[in-house]
Amino acid sequence: MQTARFGASIRKLHDSAIKDKKKSYECPKCGKIKVVRKGNALWMCKGCKSTFAGGAYSFTTEAGELSRRLAADYAKSS
């Protein structure tokens, strides 16, 4: 079994990252909860077979959400 060592906070962060990695996410295209991790930062929907780039351990990251909101705001103002 793979675990983080040397501190409770590191173990909690490790467990959280592994839980996010194994979780299924909602597909932005088809809406089904079938997006799973295929590789480092590669995610694929089992429903519509679409492939997405995302975070290493979770489908979306804070930086990705920020850039998506900024792009939407820019599109509205144009």
N, C-alpha and C. Protein backbone atom coordinates (compact mmCIF):
# COMPACT_ATOMS: atom_id res chain seq x y z
N MET A 1 0.84 -1.18 0.00
CA MET A 1 0.00 0.00 0.00
C MET A 1 0.88 1.24 0.00
N GLN A 2 0.54 2.18 -0.84
CA GLN A 2 1.33 3.39 -0.96
C GLN A 2 0.77 4.47 -0.05
N THR A 3 1.59 5.01 0.85
CA THR A 3 1.15 6.07 1.74
C THR A 3 2.22 7.13 1.85
N ALA A 4 1.78 8.33 2.21
CA ALA A 4 2.72 9.40 2.49
C ALA A 4 3.24 9.22 3.92
N ARG A 5 4.43 9.69 4.17
CA ARG A 5 5.01 9.52 5.49
C ARG A 5 5.33 10.87 6.12
N PHE A 6 5.65 10.83 7.41
CA PHE A 6 6.19 11.97 8.13
C PHE A 6 5.21 13.12 8.30
N GLY A 7 4.04 12.85 8.83
CA GLY A 7 3.16 13.93 9.21
C GLY A 7 1.72 13.71 8.81
N ALA A 8 0.82 14.12 9.70
CA ALA A 8 -0.61 13.92 9.46
C ALA A 8 -1.11 14.79 8.32
N SER A 9 -0.63 16.02 8.22
CA SER A 9 -1.13 16.91 7.16
C SER A 9 -0.72 16.41 5.78
N ILE A 10 0.46 15.85 5.66
CA ILE A 10 0.91 15.30 4.37
C ILE A 10 0.08 14.07 4.02
N ARG A 11 -0.22 13.24 5.01
CA ARG A 11 -1.06 12.06 4.75
C ARG A 11 -2.46 12.48 4.30
N LYS A 12 -3.01 13.52 4.91
CA LYS A 12 -4.35 14.00 4.52
C LYS A 12 -4.35 14.54 3.10
N LEU A 13 -3.32 15.30 2.74
CA LEU A 13 -3.22 15.82 1.38
C LEU A 13 -3.08 14.68 0.37
N HIS A 14 -2.28 13.70 0.70
CA HIS A 14 -2.08 12.54 -0.16
C HIS A 14 -3.39 11.77 -0.35
N ASP A 15 -4.10 11.51 0.73
CA ASP A 15 -5.36 10.78 0.64
C ASP A 15 -6.39 11.55 -0.18
N SER A 16 -6.42 12.87 -0.03
CA SER A 16 -7.35 13.70 -0.79
C SER A 16 -7.03 13.65 -2.29
N ALA A 17 -5.76 13.71 -2.64
CA ALA A 17 -5.36 13.67 -4.05
C ALA A 17 -5.70 12.31 -4.67
N ILE A 18 -5.48 11.23 -3.95
CA ILE A 18 -5.79 9.91 -4.47
C ILE A 18 -7.30 9.73 -4.62
N LYS A 19 -8.08 10.26 -3.68
CA LYS A 19 -9.53 10.17 -3.77
C LYS A 19 -10.04 10.94 -4.99
N ASP A 20 -9.49 12.15 -5.24
CA ASP A 20 -9.88 12.94 -6.40
C ASP A 20 -9.48 12.26 -7.70
N LYS A 21 -8.37 11.58 -7.70
CA LYS A 21 -7.87 10.91 -8.90
C LYS A 21 -8.78 9.75 -9.31
N LYS A 22 -9.32 9.02 -8.35
CA LYS A 22 -10.14 7.85 -8.64
C LYS A 22 -11.62 8.17 -8.84
N LYS A 23 -12.01 9.41 -8.57
CA LYS A 23 -13.41 9.82 -8.65
C LYS A 23 -13.83 10.02 -10.11
N SER A 24 -15.12 9.80 -10.41
CA SER A 24 -15.66 10.08 -11.73
C SER A 24 -16.25 11.49 -11.73
N TYR A 25 -16.09 12.20 -12.83
CA TYR A 25 -16.55 13.57 -12.94
C TYR A 25 -17.60 13.69 -14.05
N GLU A 26 -18.32 14.81 -14.06
CA GLU A 26 -19.34 15.06 -15.07
C GLU A 26 -18.70 15.54 -16.37
N CYS A 27 -19.16 14.97 -17.47
CA CYS A 27 -18.63 15.33 -18.79
C CYS A 27 -19.22 16.67 -19.23
N PRO A 28 -18.37 17.61 -19.68
CA PRO A 28 -18.89 18.90 -20.16
C PRO A 28 -19.67 18.79 -21.46
N LYS A 29 -19.44 17.73 -22.23
CA LYS A 29 -20.12 17.58 -23.53
C LYS A 29 -21.45 16.85 -23.40
N CYS A 30 -21.45 15.65 -22.80
CA CYS A 30 -22.68 14.85 -22.77
C CYS A 30 -23.41 14.94 -21.44
N GLY A 31 -22.77 15.43 -20.38
CA GLY A 31 -23.43 15.59 -19.10
C GLY A 31 -23.45 14.35 -18.22
N LYS A 32 -22.92 13.24 -18.69
CA LYS A 32 -22.89 12.01 -17.89
C LYS A 32 -21.73 12.07 -16.90
N ILE A 33 -21.88 11.38 -15.79
CA ILE A 33 -20.82 11.32 -14.78
C ILE A 33 -19.95 10.11 -15.10
N LYS A 34 -19.15 10.24 -16.16
CA LYS A 34 -18.33 9.12 -16.63
C LYS A 34 -16.92 9.55 -17.02
N VAL A 35 -16.47 10.72 -16.61
CA VAL A 35 -15.11 11.16 -16.95
C VAL A 35 -14.14 10.56 -15.94
N VAL A 36 -13.18 9.79 -16.44
CA VAL A 36 -12.18 9.14 -15.59
C VAL A 36 -10.78 9.50 -16.09
N ARG A 37 -9.82 9.33 -15.20
CA ARG A 37 -8.43 9.67 -15.51
C ARG A 37 -7.80 8.57 -16.35
N LYS A 38 -7.16 8.95 -17.46
CA LYS A 38 -6.47 8.00 -18.32
C LYS A 38 -4.95 8.09 -18.18
N GLY A 39 -4.45 9.23 -17.80
CA GLY A 39 -3.01 9.43 -17.63
C GLY A 39 -2.80 10.74 -16.91
N ASN A 40 -1.56 11.14 -16.80
CA ASN A 40 -1.26 12.38 -16.11
C ASN A 40 -1.89 13.56 -16.86
N ALA A 41 -2.91 14.15 -16.27
CA ALA A 41 -3.65 15.30 -16.80
C ALA A 41 -4.47 14.96 -18.04
N LEU A 42 -4.71 13.69 -18.33
CA LEU A 42 -5.58 13.27 -19.43
C LEU A 42 -6.82 12.60 -18.86
N TRP A 43 -7.97 13.09 -19.29
CA TRP A 43 -9.25 12.59 -18.80
C TRP A 43 -10.11 12.19 -19.99
N MET A 44 -10.87 11.10 -19.86
CA MET A 44 -11.70 10.63 -20.97
C MET A 44 -13.09 10.27 -20.46
N CYS A 45 -14.10 10.64 -21.25
CA CYS A 45 -15.48 10.29 -20.93
C CYS A 45 -15.77 8.91 -21.52
N LYS A 46 -16.27 8.03 -20.68
CA LYS A 46 -16.62 6.68 -21.14
C LYS A 46 -17.93 6.69 -21.92
N GLY A 47 -18.73 7.75 -21.79
CA GLY A 47 -20.00 7.83 -22.48
C GLY A 47 -19.86 8.26 -23.93
N CYS A 48 -19.19 9.41 -24.14
CA CYS A 48 -19.08 9.95 -25.51
C CYS A 48 -17.67 9.82 -26.08
N LYS A 49 -16.75 9.22 -25.34
CA LYS A 49 -15.36 8.98 -25.78
C LYS A 49 -14.57 10.26 -26.05
N SER A 50 -14.97 11.38 -25.46
CA SER A 50 -14.23 12.63 -25.61
C SER A 50 -13.05 12.63 -24.66
N THR A 51 -11.96 13.24 -25.08
CA THR A 51 -10.75 13.34 -24.26
C THR A 51 -10.54 14.80 -23.87
N PHE A 52 -10.14 15.03 -22.63
CA PHE A 52 -9.95 16.37 -22.10
C PHE A 52 -8.60 16.49 -21.42
N ALA A 53 -8.09 17.70 -21.37
CA ALA A 53 -6.91 18.00 -20.57
C ALA A 53 -7.40 18.63 -19.28
N GLY A 54 -6.80 18.24 -18.17
CA GLY A 54 -7.22 18.76 -16.88
C GLY A 54 -6.05 18.77 -15.92
N GLY A 55 -6.37 18.68 -14.67
CA GLY A 55 -5.33 18.64 -13.65
C GLY A 55 -4.74 17.24 -13.55
N ALA A 56 -3.64 17.14 -12.85
CA ALA A 56 -2.99 15.84 -12.70
C ALA A 56 -3.82 14.89 -11.84
N TYR A 57 -4.47 15.40 -10.81
CA TYR A 57 -5.23 14.55 -9.90
C TYR A 57 -6.71 14.86 -9.86
N SER A 58 -7.15 16.00 -10.42
CA SER A 58 -8.57 16.31 -10.48
C SER A 58 -8.89 16.86 -11.86
N PHE A 59 -10.15 16.72 -12.25
CA PHE A 59 -10.54 17.09 -13.61
C PHE A 59 -10.37 18.59 -13.87
N THR A 60 -10.68 19.41 -12.89
CA THR A 60 -10.49 20.85 -13.04
C THR A 60 -9.54 21.36 -11.97
N THR A 61 -8.85 22.44 -12.29
CA THR A 61 -7.95 23.06 -11.33
C THR A 61 -8.41 24.49 -11.09
N GLU A 62 -7.88 25.12 -10.06
CA GLU A 62 -8.24 26.51 -9.77
C GLU A 62 -7.80 27.43 -10.91
N ALA A 63 -6.63 27.19 -11.46
CA ALA A 63 -6.14 28.02 -12.56
C ALA A 63 -6.99 27.82 -13.81
N GLY A 64 -7.43 26.61 -14.06
CA GLY A 64 -8.28 26.33 -15.21
C GLY A 64 -9.64 26.99 -15.07
N GLU A 65 -10.22 26.96 -13.88
CA GLU A 65 -11.50 27.61 -13.64
C GLU A 65 -11.37 29.13 -13.81
N LEU A 66 -10.28 29.70 -13.32
CA LEU A 66 -10.06 31.14 -13.45
C LEU A 66 -9.94 31.53 -14.92
N SER A 67 -9.17 30.79 -15.69
CA SER A 67 -9.01 31.12 -17.10
C SER A 67 -10.31 30.93 -17.87
N ARG A 68 -11.12 29.95 -17.51
CA ARG A 68 -12.41 29.73 -18.16
C ARG A 68 -13.36 30.91 -17.88
N ARG A 69 -13.37 31.40 -16.63
CA ARG A 69 -14.22 32.55 -16.29
C ARG A 69 -13.74 33.81 -16.99
N LEU A 70 -12.42 34.02 -17.05
CA LEU A 70 -11.88 35.20 -17.73
C LEU A 70 -12.21 35.18 -19.23
N ALA A 71 -12.12 34.01 -19.84
CA ALA A 71 -12.44 33.89 -21.26
C ALA A 71 -13.92 34.15 -21.50
N ALA A 72 -14.78 33.68 -20.59
CA ALA A 72 -16.21 33.93 -20.74
C ALA A 72 -16.54 35.41 -20.58
N ASP A 73 -15.89 36.08 -19.63
CA ASP A 73 -16.10 37.51 -19.43
C ASP A 73 -15.62 38.31 -20.64
N TYR A 74 -14.49 37.89 -21.19
CA TYR A 74 -13.95 38.57 -22.36
C TYR A 74 -14.88 38.40 -23.57
N ALA A 75 -15.44 37.20 -23.70
CA ALA A 75 -16.36 36.94 -24.82
C ALA A 75 -17.64 37.77 -24.68
N LYS A 76 -18.12 37.97 -23.45
CA LYS A 76 -19.31 38.78 -23.21
C LYS A 76 -19.07 40.24 -23.55
N SER A 77 -17.88 40.74 -23.23
CA SER A 77 -17.59 42.16 -23.43
C SER A 77 -17.28 42.48 -24.89
N SER A 78 -16.92 41.49 -25.68
CA SER A 78 -16.58 41.74 -27.09
C SER A 78 -17.79 41.84 -27.97
